[in-house]
C-alpha atoms as a PDB file:
ATOM      1  CA  MET A   1      61.401  11.559   1.527  1.00  0.00           C
ATOM      2  CA  LYS A   2      62.602  15.134   1.669  1.00  0.00           C
ATOM      3  CA  ARG A   3      66.294  15.731   2.152  1.00  0.00           C
ATOM      4  CA  ALA A   4      67.889  18.874   3.527  1.00  0.00           C
ATOM      5  CA  GLY A   5      67.872  21.571   0.876  1.00  0.00           C
ATOM      6  CA  GLU A   6      65.312  19.888  -1.396  1.00  0.00           C
ATOM      7  CA  LYS A   7      62.296  21.926  -2.329  1.00  0.00           C
ATOM      8  CA  MET A   8      58.908  20.304  -1.797  1.00  0.00           C
ATOM      9  CA  TYR A   9      55.816  21.350  -3.706  1.00  0.00           C
ATOM     10  CA  SER A  10      52.231  21.324  -2.538  1.00  0.00           C
ATOM     11  CA  TYR A  11      49.065  20.854  -4.540  1.00  0.00           C
ATOM     12  CA  VAL A  12      46.648  21.165  -1.621  1.00  0.00           C
ATOM     13  CA  ASN A  13      45.160  24.292  -3.205  1.00  0.00           C
ATOM     14  CA  ILE A  14      44.087  22.196  -6.214  1.00  0.00           C
ATOM     15  CA  GLU A  15      42.762  19.487  -3.901  1.00  0.00           C
ATOM     16  CA  LYS A  16      40.660  22.060  -2.045  1.00  0.00           C
ATOM     17  CA  GLU A  17      39.336  23.378  -5.355  1.00  0.00           C
ATOM     18  CA  LEU A  18      38.264  19.909  -6.559  1.00  0.00           C
ATOM     19  CA  THR A  19      37.003  18.429  -3.279  1.00  0.00           C
ATOM     20  CA  PRO A  20      33.559  20.101  -2.930  1.00  0.00           C
ATOM     21  CA  GLU A  21      32.406  19.082  -6.419  1.00  0.00           C
ATOM     22  CA  PHE A  22      33.917  15.606  -5.960  1.00  0.00           C
ATOM     23  CA  ARG A  23      32.121  15.035  -2.644  1.00  0.00           C
ATOM     24  CA  ALA A  24      28.797  16.289  -3.960  1.00  0.00           C
ATOM     25  CA  ALA A  25      29.027  14.035  -7.004  1.00  0.00           C
ATOM     26  CA  LEU A  26      30.209  11.080  -4.934  1.00  0.00           C
ATOM     27  CA  LYS A  27      27.211  11.296  -2.616  1.00  0.00           C
ATOM     28  CA  SER A  28      24.871  11.010  -5.610  1.00  0.00           C
ATOM     29  CA  MET A  29      26.555   7.866  -6.978  1.00  0.00           C
ATOM     30  CA  LYS A  30      24.563   4.643  -6.873  1.00  0.00           C
ATOM     31  CA  ASP A  31      26.806   2.150  -8.672  1.00  0.00           C
ATOM     32  CA  ALA A  32      30.431   1.036  -8.623  1.00  0.00           C
ATOM     33  CA  ASN A  33      31.198   2.039 -12.212  1.00  0.00           C
ATOM     34  CA  SER A  34      30.073   5.622 -11.588  1.00  0.00           C
ATOM     35  CA  ILE A  35      32.153   5.829  -8.436  1.00  0.00           C
ATOM     36  CA  ALA A  36      35.264   4.560 -10.222  1.00  0.00           C
ATOM     37  CA  ASP A  37      34.665   6.924 -13.143  1.00  0.00           C
ATOM     38  CA  LEU A  38      34.352   9.892 -10.784  1.00  0.00           C
ATOM     39  CA  PHE A  39      37.646   9.036  -9.066  1.00  0.00           C
ATOM     40  CA  ILE A  40      39.439   8.695 -12.404  1.00  0.00           C
ATOM     41  CA  GLU A  41      37.959  11.938 -13.780  1.00  0.00           C
ATOM     42  CA  THR A  42      38.815  13.851 -10.607  1.00  0.00           C
ATOM     43  CA  ILE A  43      42.406  12.614 -10.508  1.00  0.00           C
ATOM     44  CA  PHE A  44      42.798  13.466 -14.181  1.00  0.00           C
ATOM     45  CA  LYS A  45      41.553  17.016 -13.459  1.00  0.00           C
ATOM     46  CA  LEU A  46      44.099  17.265 -10.647  1.00  0.00           C
ATOM     47  CA  LEU A  47      46.943  16.078 -12.870  1.00  0.00           C
ATOM     48  CA  LYS A  48      45.834  18.355 -15.709  1.00  0.00           C
ATOM     49  CA  LYS A  49      45.974  21.357 -13.378  1.00  0.00           C
ATOM     50  CA  ILE A  50      49.538  20.405 -12.471  1.00  0.00           C
ATOM     51  CA  LYS A  51      50.562  19.809 -16.089  1.00  0.00           C
ATOM     52  CA  PRO A  52      48.109  21.592 -18.414  1.00  0.00           C
ATOM     53  CA  GLU A  53      49.714  19.986 -21.471  1.00  0.00           C
ATOM     54  CA  LEU A  54      48.613  16.527 -20.243  1.00  0.00           C
ATOM     55  CA  ASN A  55      46.875  14.638 -23.033  1.00  0.00           C
ATOM     56  CA  LEU A  56      43.469  13.014 -22.475  1.00  0.00           C
ATOM     57  CA  LYS A  57      44.961   9.611 -23.351  1.00  0.00           C
ATOM     58  CA  TYR A  58      46.620   9.585 -19.914  1.00  0.00           C
ATOM     59  CA  GLU A  59      43.205   9.313 -18.274  1.00  0.00           C
ATOM     60  CA  ASN A  60      43.360   5.638 -19.274  1.00  0.00           C
ATOM     61  CA  ASP A  61      46.470   5.253 -17.089  1.00  0.00           C
ATOM     62  CA  ILE A  62      44.650   6.019 -13.837  1.00  0.00           C
ATOM     63  CA  VAL A  63      43.477   2.864 -12.057  1.00  0.00           C
ATOM     64  CA  PHE A  64      40.995   2.605  -9.189  1.00  0.00           C
ATOM     65  CA  ALA A  65      41.475  -0.779  -7.484  1.00  0.00           C
ATOM     66  CA  PRO A  66      38.896  -1.126  -4.691  1.00  0.00           C
ATOM     67  CA  GLU A  67      39.668  -4.785  -4.049  1.00  0.00           C
ATOM     68  CA  ALA A  68      43.418  -4.234  -3.766  1.00  0.00           C
ATOM     69  CA  GLU A  69      44.918  -5.026  -0.384  1.00  0.00           C
ATOM     70  CA  ASN A  70      46.824  -1.752   0.186  1.00  0.00           C
ATOM     71  CA  ASN A  71      46.684   1.140  -2.270  1.00  0.00           C
ATOM     72  CA  LYS A  72      43.272   1.513  -3.844  1.00  0.00           C
ATOM     73  CA  TRP A  73      44.755   3.291  -6.868  1.00  0.00           C
ATOM     74  CA  SER A  74      47.739   3.267  -9.170  1.00  0.00           C
ATOM     75  CA  PHE A  75      49.115   4.931 -12.255  1.00  0.00           C
ATOM     76  CA  GLU A  76      50.197   2.896 -15.243  1.00  0.00           C
ATOM     77  CA  LYS A  77      53.902   3.132 -16.081  1.00  0.00           C
ATOM     78  CA  LYS A  78      53.707   6.015 -18.606  1.00  0.00           C
ATOM     79  CA  LEU A  79      51.760   8.226 -16.223  1.00  0.00           C
ATOM     80  CA  SER A  80      53.963   7.296 -13.262  1.00  0.00           C
ATOM     81  CA  GLU A  81      57.011   8.296 -15.270  1.00  0.00           C
ATOM     82  CA  LYS A  82      55.421  11.574 -16.355  1.00  0.00           C
ATOM     83  CA  PHE A  83      54.691  12.497 -12.703  1.00  0.00           C
ATOM     84  CA  ALA A  84      57.720  10.871 -11.048  1.00  0.00           C
ATOM     85  CA  GLU A  85      59.141  14.230  -9.968  1.00  0.00           C
ATOM     86  CA  GLU A  86      55.836  15.398  -8.486  1.00  0.00           C
ATOM     87  CA  ILE A  87      55.275  12.105  -6.665  1.00  0.00           C
ATOM     88  CA  THR A  88      58.764  12.283  -5.176  1.00  0.00           C
ATOM     89  CA  HIS A  89      58.900  16.002  -4.361  1.00  0.00           C
ATOM     90  CA  SER A  90      55.344  16.959  -3.475  1.00  0.00           C
ATOM     91  CA  ASP A  91      52.193  15.948  -1.663  1.00  0.00           C
ATOM     92  CA  LEU A  92      50.617  14.565  -4.862  1.00  0.00           C
ATOM     93  CA  GLU A  93      50.653  10.947  -3.701  1.00  0.00           C
ATOM     94  CA  SER A  94      49.018  11.879  -0.386  1.00  0.00           C
ATOM     95  CA  ILE A  95      46.325  13.868  -2.181  1.00  0.00           C
ATOM     96  CA  VAL A  96      45.509  11.004  -4.548  1.00  0.00           C
ATOM     97  CA  ASN A  97      45.431   8.676  -1.534  1.00  0.00           C
ATOM     98  CA  ARG A  98      42.882  10.921   0.188  1.00  0.00           C
ATOM     99  CA  PHE A  99      40.630  10.926  -2.878  1.00  0.00           C
ATOM    100  CA  ALA A 100      41.013   7.135  -3.171  1.00  0.00           C
ATOM    101  CA  VAL A 101      40.141   6.526   0.482  1.00  0.00           C
ATOM    102  CA  GLU A 102      37.047   8.688   0.220  1.00  0.00           C
ATOM    103  CA  THR A 103      36.047   6.956  -3.020  1.00  0.00           C
ATOM    104  CA  PHE A 104      36.579   3.540  -1.471  1.00  0.00           C
ATOM    105  CA  LYS A 105      34.477   4.408   1.582  1.00  0.00           C
ATOM    106  CA  TRP A 106      31.548   5.326  -0.669  1.00  0.00           C
ATOM    107  CA  TYR A 107      32.199   2.260  -2.814  1.00  0.00           C
ATOM    108  CA  GLU A 108      31.832   0.109   0.320  1.00  0.00           C
ATOM    109  CA  HIS A 109      28.862   2.156   1.509  1.00  0.00           C
ATOM    110  CA  ILE A 110      26.774   1.315  -1.539  1.00  0.00           C
ATOM    111  CA  GLY A 111      27.406  -2.336  -0.758  1.00  0.00           C
ATOM    112  CA  HIS A 112      29.218  -3.421  -3.867  1.00  0.00           C
ATOM    113  CA  SER A 113      30.093  -7.089  -3.327  1.00  0.00           C
ATOM    114  CA  ASP A 114      31.919  -8.658  -6.220  1.00  0.00           C
ATOM    115  CA  GLU A 115      33.703 -11.851  -5.265  1.00  0.00           C
ATOM    116  CA  SER A 116      36.490 -11.418  -7.799  1.00  0.00           C
ATOM    117  CA  ARG A 117      39.163  -8.752  -7.714  1.00  0.00           C
ATOM    118  CA  VAL A 118      37.943  -5.781  -9.718  1.00  0.00           C
ATOM    119  CA  PHE A 119      40.033  -2.946 -11.135  1.00  0.00           C
ATOM    120  CA  PHE A 120      38.664   0.107 -12.890  1.00  0.00           C
ATOM    121  CA  LYS A 121      40.808   1.798 -15.497  1.00  0.00           C
ATOM    122  CA  GLY A 122      40.537   5.202 -17.064  1.00  0.00           C
ATOM    123  CA  ASN A 123      38.068   4.199 -19.761  1.00  0.00           C
ATOM    124  CA  PRO A 124      34.717   5.033 -18.167  1.00  0.00           C
ATOM    125  CA  GLY A 125      32.910   1.828 -17.339  1.00  0.00           C
ATOM    126  CA  GLU A 126      35.790  -0.474 -18.285  1.00  0.00           C
ATOM    127  CA  ILE A 127      36.268  -3.209 -15.697  1.00  0.00           C
ATOM    128  CA  ILE A 128      39.255  -5.521 -15.633  1.00  0.00           C
ATOM    129  CA  HIS A 129      38.827  -8.719 -13.605  1.00  0.00           C
ATOM    130  CA  GLY A 130      41.472 -10.706 -11.800  1.00  0.00           C
ATOM    131  CA  ARG A 131      44.617  -8.725 -12.172  1.00  0.00           C
END
């Protein structure tokens, strides 16, 4: 929450840059793994544009959780710590939420029905059951 005198940053320009390619790719997806991979890759691109020095290993810290009750995404601890300032003082969290909601809508659209809770981590195709 912004307090008087605190500066807030916006990354909407990066979101607008990434959105057309993301949407086009999303519409061509036919399976859950591809959808999760696209979300993770897109969020990594977003984060990399904010912090160009970001190492590829952090891609593994982005989680797409379509079966989660509330947030459909999360960052593992290391990545959360690295972007704590941006999450607190910018629209980064809202932007990631918008990408996650759009990803989840397409995920549901293709009719993926897995009875267990499924989480996708930043290793393309890696599925973690029952978190």
